Amino acid sequence: MGNRLTPAAPVRPWREKAVWFLGALRRLLGPEPEPEPEAEAEANEPFQISFNLVRHLFDLGAVAFLCLASPLSRACLDVLGLRGLPALWLHGLALFLATSYGMNLLLWLLHAYLTQLTLAFGALHLLVLAVSLHRARRTDTPAAAAQAAAGPSTPPGSGEGSDGDGTSTCNETTTSYVTPLTDTGC
């Protein structure tokens, strides 16, 4: 008798594997937390402002080192004549090292000048809290709620920041530590 080949197990497409993996991960992590009631979310909002400010300051430091290191490492790779996958790998490695050492430098400076930087951060934090909480209080007034319910006072495309044909000429965006980045619509 000849050697019989057993049929191979059916190959699951990658999507089925991904769905299975995500389901297993959800089972491991447990049920999703209940959403906070609105009153608790409003009470935690000022604390979220502080958290976001510190996070944005550290992000600013990391992005500054990335912006500094990326062109320099690309220029070095061009001088060396590297292209393709090795160049991309070395570029990523250089960015990681530059950002790591840069953040280490920032932390060293933070430790060396802790008092001065704490005072500067405290002043900046106070300004951010004052603006954010003032803006939140101003929008909580009954007049602001009535105006928001009534809608805009001018029809779209006819007000300031528009050229009259319904298209906006203003591309401003505002950043608030209370709400995510949104378009003001001018």
N, C-alpha and C. Protein backbone atom coordinates (compact mmCIF):
# COMPACT_ATOMS: atom_id res chain seq x y z
N MET A 1 0.84 -1.17 0.00
CA MET A 1 0.00 0.00 0.00
C MET A 1 0.88 1.23 0.00
N GLY A 2 0.36 2.25 -0.63
CA GLY A 2 1.10 3.50 -0.74
C GLY A 2 0.96 4.36 0.51
N ASN A 3 1.78 5.32 0.60
CA ASN A 3 1.74 6.26 1.71
C ASN A 3 0.59 7.23 1.51
N ARG A 4 -0.33 7.20 2.44
CA ARG A 4 -1.49 8.09 2.32
C ARG A 4 -1.19 9.40 3.03
N LEU A 5 -1.50 10.47 2.35
CA LEU A 5 -1.33 11.78 2.96
C LEU A 5 -2.62 12.16 3.68
N THR A 6 -2.46 12.64 4.86
CA THR A 6 -3.64 13.09 5.58
C THR A 6 -3.94 14.52 5.15
N PRO A 7 -5.19 14.84 5.04
CA PRO A 7 -5.52 16.20 4.62
C PRO A 7 -5.07 17.20 5.69
N ALA A 8 -4.57 18.30 5.23
CA ALA A 8 -4.08 19.34 6.14
C ALA A 8 -5.26 20.01 6.83
N ALA A 9 -5.00 20.49 8.01
CA ALA A 9 -6.05 21.21 8.74
C ALA A 9 -6.41 22.47 7.95
N PRO A 10 -7.68 22.83 7.97
CA PRO A 10 -8.07 24.02 7.20
C PRO A 10 -7.36 25.26 7.77
N VAL A 11 -6.87 26.09 6.87
CA VAL A 11 -6.16 27.29 7.26
C VAL A 11 -7.18 28.39 7.52
N ARG A 12 -7.11 28.96 8.72
CA ARG A 12 -8.04 30.04 9.04
C ARG A 12 -7.50 31.34 8.47
N PRO A 13 -8.36 32.13 7.86
CA PRO A 13 -7.88 33.42 7.37
C PRO A 13 -7.41 34.29 8.54
N TRP A 14 -6.60 35.27 8.23
CA TRP A 14 -6.00 36.11 9.25
C TRP A 14 -7.05 36.89 10.03
N ARG A 15 -8.17 37.21 9.40
CA ARG A 15 -9.21 37.95 10.12
C ARG A 15 -9.83 37.10 11.22
N GLU A 16 -10.06 35.84 10.94
CA GLU A 16 -10.61 34.95 11.96
C GLU A 16 -9.65 34.82 13.13
N LYS A 17 -8.36 34.74 12.82
CA LYS A 17 -7.37 34.66 13.88
C LYS A 17 -7.35 35.94 14.71
N ALA A 18 -7.47 37.07 14.03
CA ALA A 18 -7.46 38.36 14.75
C ALA A 18 -8.69 38.48 15.64
N VAL A 19 -9.85 38.06 15.13
CA VAL A 19 -11.08 38.13 15.93
C VAL A 19 -10.96 37.20 17.14
N TRP A 20 -10.40 36.01 16.93
CA TRP A 20 -10.22 35.08 18.03
C TRP A 20 -9.28 35.67 19.07
N PHE A 21 -8.16 36.26 18.60
CA PHE A 21 -7.19 36.84 19.51
C PHE A 21 -7.79 37.98 20.32
N LEU A 22 -8.54 38.87 19.67
CA LEU A 22 -9.16 39.98 20.38
C LEU A 22 -10.19 39.49 21.39
N GLY A 23 -10.95 38.45 21.03
CA GLY A 23 -11.92 37.88 21.98
C GLY A 23 -11.21 37.29 23.19
N ALA A 24 -10.11 36.58 22.96
CA ALA A 24 -9.36 36.00 24.07
C ALA A 24 -8.76 37.10 24.95
N LEU A 25 -8.29 38.17 24.33
CA LEU A 25 -7.75 39.28 25.08
C LEU A 25 -8.82 39.95 25.94
N ARG A 26 -10.01 40.11 25.39
CA ARG A 26 -11.10 40.70 26.16
C ARG A 26 -11.49 39.81 27.34
N ARG A 27 -11.49 38.50 27.12
CA ARG A 27 -11.83 37.59 28.22
C ARG A 27 -10.78 37.66 29.32
N LEU A 28 -9.50 37.81 28.93
CA LEU A 28 -8.43 37.91 29.93
C LEU A 28 -8.51 39.20 30.73
N LEU A 29 -8.83 40.29 30.05
CA LEU A 29 -8.86 41.59 30.72
C LEU A 29 -10.11 41.79 31.57
N GLY A 30 -11.12 41.00 31.36
CA GLY A 30 -12.34 41.12 32.15
C GLY A 30 -13.34 42.05 31.50
N PRO A 31 -14.46 42.26 32.17
CA PRO A 31 -15.50 43.10 31.59
C PRO A 31 -15.06 44.56 31.52
N GLU A 32 -15.66 45.29 30.58
CA GLU A 32 -15.36 46.70 30.44
C GLU A 32 -15.94 47.46 31.62
N PRO A 33 -15.23 48.49 32.09
CA PRO A 33 -15.75 49.24 33.23
C PRO A 33 -17.00 50.01 32.84
N GLU A 34 -17.85 50.21 33.83
CA GLU A 34 -19.06 50.98 33.62
C GLU A 34 -18.69 52.43 33.36
N PRO A 35 -19.38 53.09 32.44
CA PRO A 35 -19.08 54.51 32.24
C PRO A 35 -19.46 55.32 33.47
N GLU A 36 -18.66 56.36 33.74
CA GLU A 36 -18.91 57.18 34.92
C GLU A 36 -20.19 57.98 34.74
N PRO A 37 -20.93 58.15 35.82
CA PRO A 37 -22.08 59.05 35.72
C PRO A 37 -21.59 60.46 35.39
N GLU A 38 -22.47 61.25 34.81
CA GLU A 38 -22.09 62.58 34.33
C GLU A 38 -21.58 63.48 35.46
N ALA A 39 -22.17 63.36 36.64
CA ALA A 39 -21.75 64.21 37.75
C ALA A 39 -20.31 63.89 38.17
N GLU A 40 -19.96 62.60 38.20
CA GLU A 40 -18.59 62.22 38.56
C GLU A 40 -17.61 62.65 37.49
N ALA A 41 -18.01 62.55 36.23
CA ALA A 41 -17.14 62.96 35.13
C ALA A 41 -16.86 64.45 35.20
N GLU A 42 -17.88 65.26 35.53
CA GLU A 42 -17.68 66.70 35.65
C GLU A 42 -16.79 67.03 36.85
N ALA A 43 -16.89 66.25 37.92
CA ALA A 43 -16.06 66.50 39.10
C ALA A 43 -14.59 66.16 38.82
N ASN A 44 -14.35 65.17 37.96
CA ASN A 44 -12.98 64.75 37.64
C ASN A 44 -12.36 65.58 36.52
N GLU A 45 -13.14 66.43 35.86
CA GLU A 45 -12.64 67.17 34.71
C GLU A 45 -11.47 68.09 35.04
N PRO A 46 -11.48 68.85 36.14
CA PRO A 46 -10.30 69.68 36.45
C PRO A 46 -9.04 68.84 36.66
N PHE A 47 -9.18 67.65 37.21
CA PHE A 47 -8.01 66.79 37.39
C PHE A 47 -7.50 66.29 36.04
N GLN A 48 -8.40 66.10 35.10
CA GLN A 48 -8.02 65.67 33.76
C GLN A 48 -7.23 66.79 33.07
N ILE A 49 -7.55 68.05 33.37
CA ILE A 49 -6.82 69.18 32.81
C ILE A 49 -5.36 69.09 33.25
N SER A 50 -5.12 68.84 34.52
CA SER A 50 -3.75 68.75 35.04
C SER A 50 -3.00 67.59 34.41
N PHE A 51 -3.66 66.45 34.31
CA PHE A 51 -3.04 65.27 33.70
C PHE A 51 -2.65 65.56 32.26
N ASN A 52 -3.56 66.17 31.51
CA ASN A 52 -3.29 66.46 30.10
C ASN A 52 -2.16 67.47 29.93
N LEU A 53 -2.06 68.44 30.82
CA LEU A 53 -0.98 69.41 30.73
C LEU A 53 0.38 68.73 30.89
N VAL A 54 0.52 67.90 31.90
CA VAL A 54 1.79 67.20 32.11
C VAL A 54 2.09 66.28 30.93
N ARG A 55 1.08 65.58 30.45
CA ARG A 55 1.28 64.69 29.30
C ARG A 55 1.72 65.47 28.08
N HIS A 56 1.10 66.61 27.82
CA HIS A 56 1.47 67.41 26.65
C HIS A 56 2.88 67.97 26.78
N LEU A 57 3.30 68.32 27.98
CA LEU A 57 4.67 68.81 28.16
C LEU A 57 5.70 67.72 27.86
N PHE A 58 5.44 66.50 28.33
CA PHE A 58 6.36 65.40 28.03
C PHE A 58 6.30 65.04 26.54
N ASP A 59 5.11 65.09 25.95
CA ASP A 59 5.01 64.85 24.50
C ASP A 59 5.79 65.90 23.72
N LEU A 60 5.71 67.14 24.17
CA LEU A 60 6.44 68.21 23.50
C LEU A 60 7.94 67.94 23.54
N GLY A 61 8.45 67.48 24.67
CA GLY A 61 9.87 67.15 24.77
C GLY A 61 10.26 66.02 23.84
N ALA A 62 9.45 64.97 23.81
CA ALA A 62 9.77 63.83 22.94
C ALA A 62 9.70 64.22 21.47
N VAL A 63 8.68 64.97 21.09
CA VAL A 63 8.54 65.36 19.69
C VAL A 63 9.66 66.31 19.28
N ALA A 64 10.10 67.17 20.19
CA ALA A 64 11.21 68.07 19.87
C ALA A 64 12.48 67.27 19.55
N PHE A 65 12.75 66.24 20.33
CA PHE A 65 13.94 65.42 20.05
C PHE A 65 13.77 64.62 18.78
N LEU A 66 12.55 64.16 18.48
CA LEU A 66 12.31 63.45 17.23
C LEU A 66 12.54 64.38 16.04
N CYS A 67 12.02 65.60 16.13
CA CYS A 67 12.19 66.56 15.03
C CYS A 67 13.64 66.96 14.85
N LEU A 68 14.39 66.96 15.92
CA LEU A 68 15.81 67.29 15.83
C LEU A 68 16.61 66.13 15.25
N ALA A 69 16.30 64.92 15.65
CA ALA A 69 17.11 63.76 15.27
C ALA A 69 16.77 63.23 13.88
N SER A 70 15.54 63.36 13.44
CA SER A 70 15.15 62.76 12.17
C SER A 70 15.92 63.32 10.98
N PRO A 71 15.96 64.64 10.79
CA PRO A 71 16.72 65.12 9.63
C PRO A 71 18.22 64.82 9.72
N LEU A 72 18.76 64.87 10.94
CA LEU A 72 20.18 64.57 11.09
C LEU A 72 20.50 63.12 10.74
N SER A 73 19.67 62.20 11.21
CA SER A 73 19.93 60.79 10.91
C SER A 73 19.70 60.49 9.44
N ARG A 74 18.71 61.15 8.82
CA ARG A 74 18.50 60.93 7.38
C ARG A 74 19.68 61.45 6.57
N ALA A 75 20.22 62.60 6.99
CA ALA A 75 21.38 63.14 6.28
C ALA A 75 22.58 62.20 6.42
N CYS A 76 22.78 61.65 7.60
CA CYS A 76 23.89 60.71 7.81
C CYS A 76 23.70 59.46 6.95
N LEU A 77 22.47 58.98 6.87
CA LEU A 77 22.21 57.79 6.05
C LEU A 77 22.43 58.08 4.57
N ASP A 78 22.08 59.30 4.12
CA ASP A 78 22.32 59.67 2.72
C ASP A 78 23.81 59.77 2.43
N VAL A 79 24.57 60.32 3.38
CA VAL A 79 26.03 60.43 3.20
C VAL A 79 26.65 59.04 3.12
N LEU A 80 26.16 58.12 3.96
CA LEU A 80 26.70 56.76 3.93
C LEU A 80 26.19 55.96 2.74
N GLY A 81 25.16 56.45 2.06
CA GLY A 81 24.64 55.78 0.88
C GLY A 81 23.72 54.60 1.19
N LEU A 82 23.19 54.55 2.39
CA LEU A 82 22.30 53.44 2.75
C LEU A 82 20.89 53.71 2.25
N ARG A 83 20.25 52.67 1.74
CA ARG A 83 18.88 52.78 1.23
C ARG A 83 18.12 51.52 1.65
N GLY A 84 16.82 51.58 1.55
CA GLY A 84 15.98 50.41 1.78
C GLY A 84 15.77 50.09 3.25
N LEU A 85 15.57 48.81 3.51
CA LEU A 85 15.25 48.35 4.86
C LEU A 85 16.34 48.65 5.88
N PRO A 86 17.62 48.45 5.57
CA PRO A 86 18.64 48.80 6.57
C PRO A 86 18.62 50.28 6.95
N ALA A 87 18.38 51.15 5.98
CA ALA A 87 18.32 52.59 6.27
C ALA A 87 17.13 52.90 7.16
N LEU A 88 15.99 52.31 6.88
CA LEU A 88 14.80 52.54 7.71
C LEU A 88 15.02 52.04 9.13
N TRP A 89 15.66 50.86 9.24
CA TRP A 89 15.90 50.30 10.57
C TRP A 89 16.86 51.19 11.36
N LEU A 90 17.95 51.63 10.72
CA LEU A 90 18.90 52.49 11.40
C LEU A 90 18.28 53.84 11.75
N HIS A 91 17.42 54.35 10.88
CA HIS A 91 16.74 55.62 11.15
C HIS A 91 15.86 55.48 12.40
N GLY A 92 15.08 54.41 12.48
CA GLY A 92 14.24 54.18 13.65
C GLY A 92 15.06 54.00 14.92
N LEU A 93 16.15 53.28 14.82
CA LEU A 93 17.04 53.09 15.97
C LEU A 93 17.64 54.41 16.43
N ALA A 94 18.06 55.23 15.47
CA ALA A 94 18.62 56.54 15.82
C ALA A 94 17.58 57.43 16.49
N LEU A 95 16.34 57.39 16.00
CA LEU A 95 15.28 58.19 16.62
C LEU A 95 15.01 57.71 18.04
N PHE A 96 14.98 56.41 18.25
CA PHE A 96 14.74 55.87 19.58
C PHE A 96 15.85 56.30 20.55
N LEU A 97 17.09 56.15 20.10
CA LEU A 97 18.22 56.52 20.97
C LEU A 97 18.26 58.02 21.25
N ALA A 98 18.02 58.83 20.23
CA ALA A 98 18.05 60.28 20.43
C ALA A 98 16.94 60.71 21.39
N THR A 99 15.76 60.15 21.24
CA THR A 99 14.66 60.51 22.12
C THR A 99 14.92 60.02 23.54
N SER A 100 15.45 58.81 23.67
CA SER A 100 15.75 58.28 25.00
C SER A 100 16.79 59.12 25.72
N TYR A 101 17.89 59.43 25.03
CA TYR A 101 18.92 60.26 25.65
C TYR A 101 18.43 61.69 25.86
N GLY A 102 17.60 62.19 24.96
CA GLY A 102 17.06 63.53 25.13
C GLY A 102 16.15 63.63 26.34
N MET A 103 15.29 62.63 26.53
CA MET A 103 14.42 62.63 27.71
C MET A 103 15.26 62.46 28.98
N ASN A 104 16.34 61.67 28.89
CA ASN A 104 17.25 61.54 30.03
C ASN A 104 17.87 62.89 30.37
N LEU A 105 18.25 63.65 29.35
CA LEU A 105 18.79 64.99 29.57
C LEU A 105 17.74 65.90 30.22
N LEU A 106 16.50 65.83 29.73
CA LEU A 106 15.44 66.64 30.32
C LEU A 106 15.21 66.29 31.78
N LEU A 107 15.23 65.00 32.10
CA LEU A 107 15.04 64.60 33.50
C LEU A 107 16.22 65.04 34.37
N TRP A 108 17.44 65.01 33.81
CA TRP A 108 18.59 65.50 34.56
C TRP A 108 18.44 66.99 34.84
N LEU A 109 18.00 67.75 33.82
CA LEU A 109 17.78 69.18 34.02
C LEU A 109 16.67 69.43 35.03
N LEU A 110 15.64 68.59 35.00
CA LEU A 110 14.54 68.72 35.94
C LEU A 110 15.03 68.51 37.37
N HIS A 111 15.88 67.52 37.56
CA HIS A 111 16.44 67.27 38.90
C HIS A 111 17.41 68.38 39.32
N ALA A 112 18.19 68.87 38.38
CA ALA A 112 19.18 69.89 38.71
C ALA A 112 18.54 71.23 39.05
N TYR A 113 17.46 71.57 38.38
CA TYR A 113 16.78 72.86 38.58
C TYR A 113 15.34 72.64 39.01
N LEU A 114 15.14 71.77 39.97
CA LEU A 114 13.79 71.37 40.38
C LEU A 114 12.98 72.55 40.90
N THR A 115 13.54 73.38 41.72
CA THR A 115 12.80 74.50 42.30
C THR A 115 12.36 75.49 41.23
N GLN A 116 13.27 75.89 40.37
CA GLN A 116 12.94 76.86 39.34
C GLN A 116 11.90 76.31 38.36
N LEU A 117 12.09 75.07 37.93
CA LEU A 117 11.14 74.48 36.99
C LEU A 117 9.79 74.21 37.64
N THR A 118 9.79 73.91 38.93
CA THR A 118 8.52 73.73 39.64
C THR A 118 7.75 75.04 39.69
N LEU A 119 8.43 76.13 39.96
CA LEU A 119 7.77 77.43 39.97
C LEU A 119 7.26 77.81 38.58
N ALA A 120 8.05 77.56 37.55
CA ALA A 120 7.61 77.85 36.19
C ALA A 120 6.41 76.98 35.80
N PHE A 121 6.46 75.69 36.15
CA PHE A 121 5.34 74.81 35.86
C PHE A 121 4.10 75.24 36.63
N GLY A 122 4.28 75.65 37.90
CA GLY A 122 3.15 76.09 38.70
C GLY A 122 2.47 77.30 38.10
N ALA A 123 3.26 78.24 37.59
CA ALA A 123 2.68 79.43 36.96
C ALA A 123 1.94 79.06 35.68
N LEU A 124 2.55 78.21 34.85
CA LEU A 124 1.89 77.76 33.63
C LEU A 124 0.62 76.99 33.95
N HIS A 125 0.69 76.12 34.94
CA HIS A 125 -0.47 75.31 35.34
C HIS A 125 -1.60 76.20 35.83
N LEU A 126 -1.27 77.23 36.59
CA LEU A 126 -2.27 78.16 37.08
C LEU A 126 -2.96 78.89 35.93
N LEU A 127 -2.18 79.32 34.94
CA LEU A 127 -2.77 79.98 33.78
C LEU A 127 -3.69 79.05 33.00
N VAL A 128 -3.26 77.80 32.79
CA VAL A 128 -4.08 76.84 32.05
C VAL A 128 -5.37 76.55 32.81
N LEU A 129 -5.27 76.35 34.11
CA LEU A 129 -6.48 76.10 34.91
C LEU A 129 -7.42 77.30 34.89
N ALA A 130 -6.87 78.51 35.01
CA ALA A 130 -7.72 79.70 35.01
C ALA A 130 -8.47 79.84 33.70
N VAL A 131 -7.77 79.65 32.58
CA VAL A 131 -8.42 79.78 31.28
C VAL A 131 -9.44 78.67 31.07
N SER A 132 -9.07 77.44 31.37
CA SER A 132 -9.97 76.31 31.14
C SER A 132 -11.21 76.38 32.02
N LEU A 133 -11.03 76.67 33.30
CA LEU A 133 -12.18 76.72 34.19
C LEU A 133 -13.05 77.93 33.92
N HIS A 134 -12.43 79.05 33.51
CA HIS A 134 -13.22 80.23 33.16
C HIS A 134 -14.06 79.94 31.92
N ARG A 135 -13.48 79.28 30.94
CA ARG A 135 -14.20 78.92 29.73
C ARG A 135 -15.33 77.94 30.05
N ALA A 136 -15.08 76.99 30.94
CA ALA A 136 -16.11 76.02 31.32
C ALA A 136 -17.24 76.71 32.08
N ARG A 137 -16.92 77.64 32.98
CA ARG A 137 -17.94 78.37 33.73
C ARG A 137 -18.76 79.26 32.82
N ARG A 138 -18.10 79.88 31.84
CA ARG A 138 -18.80 80.77 30.92
C ARG A 138 -19.80 80.00 30.06
N THR A 139 -19.48 78.78 29.69
CA THR A 139 -20.41 78.00 28.87
C THR A 139 -21.48 77.34 29.71
N ASP A 140 -21.35 77.32 31.04
CA ASP A 140 -22.37 76.73 31.90
C ASP A 140 -23.46 77.70 32.28
N THR A 141 -23.36 78.97 31.91
CA THR A 141 -24.37 79.95 32.28
C THR A 141 -25.66 79.70 31.50
N PRO A 142 -26.81 80.08 32.06
CA PRO A 142 -28.08 79.86 31.36
C PRO A 142 -28.15 80.59 30.02
N ALA A 143 -27.53 81.78 29.92
CA ALA A 143 -27.56 82.51 28.66
C ALA A 143 -26.79 81.75 27.57
N ALA A 144 -25.66 81.16 27.95
CA ALA A 144 -24.89 80.40 26.98
C ALA A 144 -25.64 79.14 26.56
N ALA A 145 -26.33 78.50 27.51
CA ALA A 145 -27.11 77.31 27.17
C ALA A 145 -28.25 77.66 26.23
N ALA A 146 -28.92 78.81 26.46
CA ALA A 146 -30.01 79.23 25.59
C ALA A 146 -29.48 79.56 24.20
N GLN A 147 -28.30 80.21 24.12
CA GLN A 147 -27.73 80.54 22.82
C GLN A 147 -27.33 79.27 22.07
N ALA A 148 -26.77 78.29 22.79
CA ALA A 148 -26.39 77.04 22.15
C ALA A 148 -27.61 76.29 21.64
N ALA A 149 -28.72 76.35 22.39
CA ALA A 149 -29.94 75.67 21.97
C ALA A 149 -30.57 76.36 20.77
N ALA A 150 -30.42 77.70 20.68
CA ALA A 150 -31.02 78.45 19.58
C ALA A 150 -30.22 78.28 18.30
N GLY A 151 -28.95 77.89 18.41
CA GLY A 151 -28.13 77.71 17.22
C GLY A 151 -27.39 78.98 16.88
N PRO A 152 -26.67 78.98 15.76
CA PRO A 152 -25.91 80.17 15.38
C PRO A 152 -26.84 81.31 14.99
N SER A 153 -26.39 82.56 15.25
CA SER A 153 -27.22 83.71 14.96
C SER A 153 -27.13 84.12 13.50
N THR A 154 -26.11 83.68 12.78
CA THR A 154 -26.01 83.98 11.36
C THR A 154 -26.03 82.68 10.58
N PRO A 155 -26.63 82.70 9.40
CA PRO A 155 -26.65 81.48 8.60
C PRO A 155 -25.24 81.09 8.16
N PRO A 156 -25.01 79.79 7.97
CA PRO A 156 -23.68 79.35 7.56
C PRO A 156 -23.29 79.98 6.23
N GLY A 157 -22.05 80.40 6.14
CA GLY A 157 -21.55 80.95 4.89
C GLY A 157 -21.77 82.43 4.74
N SER A 158 -22.41 83.09 5.73
CA SER A 158 -22.63 84.52 5.59
C SER A 158 -21.94 85.33 6.67
N GLY A 159 -21.33 84.67 7.63
CA GLY A 159 -20.72 85.39 8.75
C GLY A 159 -19.25 85.63 8.54
N GLU A 160 -18.63 86.02 9.64
CA GLU A 160 -17.20 86.30 9.64
C GLU A 160 -16.44 85.01 9.38
N GLY A 161 -15.35 85.10 8.61
CA GLY A 161 -14.55 83.92 8.31
C GLY A 161 -15.05 83.18 7.10
N SER A 162 -15.88 83.81 6.30
CA SER A 162 -16.43 83.15 5.13
C SER A 162 -16.33 84.12 3.96
N ASP A 163 -16.29 83.59 2.77
CA ASP A 163 -16.21 84.47 1.61
C ASP A 163 -17.56 84.64 0.93
N GLY A 164 -18.64 84.25 1.58
CA GLY A 164 -19.98 84.50 1.07
C GLY A 164 -20.56 83.38 0.24
N ASP A 165 -19.75 82.46 -0.24
CA ASP A 165 -20.30 81.38 -1.06
C ASP A 165 -20.49 80.09 -0.28
N GLY A 166 -20.45 80.19 1.06
CA GLY A 166 -20.69 79.02 1.89
C GLY A 166 -19.43 78.29 2.29
N THR A 167 -18.28 78.73 1.80
CA THR A 167 -17.03 78.07 2.18
C THR A 167 -16.29 78.93 3.17
N SER A 168 -15.67 78.31 4.11
CA SER A 168 -14.95 79.02 5.15
C SER A 168 -13.54 79.32 4.69
N THR A 169 -13.08 80.53 4.99
CA THR A 169 -11.71 80.89 4.65
C THR A 169 -10.80 80.82 5.86
N CYS A 170 -11.35 80.49 7.01
CA CYS A 170 -10.56 80.45 8.24
C CYS A 170 -10.24 79.00 8.55
N ASN A 171 -9.00 78.72 8.84
CA ASN A 171 -8.57 77.36 9.16
C ASN A 171 -8.06 77.26 10.57
N GLU A 172 -8.55 78.12 11.48
CA GLU A 172 -8.08 78.11 12.85
C GLU A 172 -8.62 76.90 13.59
N THR A 173 -7.82 76.40 14.50
CA THR A 173 -8.27 75.37 15.43
C THR A 173 -7.88 75.82 16.81
N THR A 174 -8.65 75.39 17.79
CA THR A 174 -8.34 75.76 19.16
C THR A 174 -8.01 74.51 19.94
N THR A 175 -7.11 74.65 20.88
CA THR A 175 -6.76 73.54 21.75
C THR A 175 -7.21 73.88 23.15
N SER A 176 -8.02 73.03 23.72
CA SER A 176 -8.47 73.20 25.09
C SER A 176 -8.08 71.95 25.84
N TYR A 177 -7.70 72.12 27.10
CA TYR A 177 -7.34 70.95 27.88
C TYR A 177 -8.57 70.26 28.45
N VAL A 178 -9.76 70.83 28.18
CA VAL A 178 -10.99 70.21 28.63
C VAL A 178 -11.57 69.35 27.53
N THR A 179 -11.53 69.83 26.30
CA THR A 179 -12.10 69.11 25.18
C THR A 179 -11.01 68.81 24.17
N PRO A 180 -11.22 67.82 23.31
CA PRO A 180 -10.21 67.51 22.31
C PRO A 180 -10.13 68.63 21.26
N LEU A 181 -9.11 68.56 20.41
CA LEU A 181 -8.90 69.54 19.37
C LEU A 181 -10.11 69.60 18.46
N THR A 182 -10.72 70.76 18.34
CA THR A 182 -11.92 70.91 17.52
C THR A 182 -11.77 72.11 16.62
N ASP A 183 -12.51 72.11 15.53
CA ASP A 183 -12.52 73.22 14.60
C ASP A 183 -13.49 74.26 15.10
N THR A 184 -13.08 75.52 15.18
CA THR A 184 -13.95 76.57 15.70
C THR A 184 -14.98 77.00 14.69
N GLY A 185 -14.73 76.80 13.43
CA GLY A 185 -15.67 77.21 12.41
C GLY A 185 -15.67 78.71 12.20
N CYS A 186 -14.89 79.47 12.95
CA CYS A 186 -14.76 80.93 12.86
C CYS A 186 -16.13 81.53 12.88
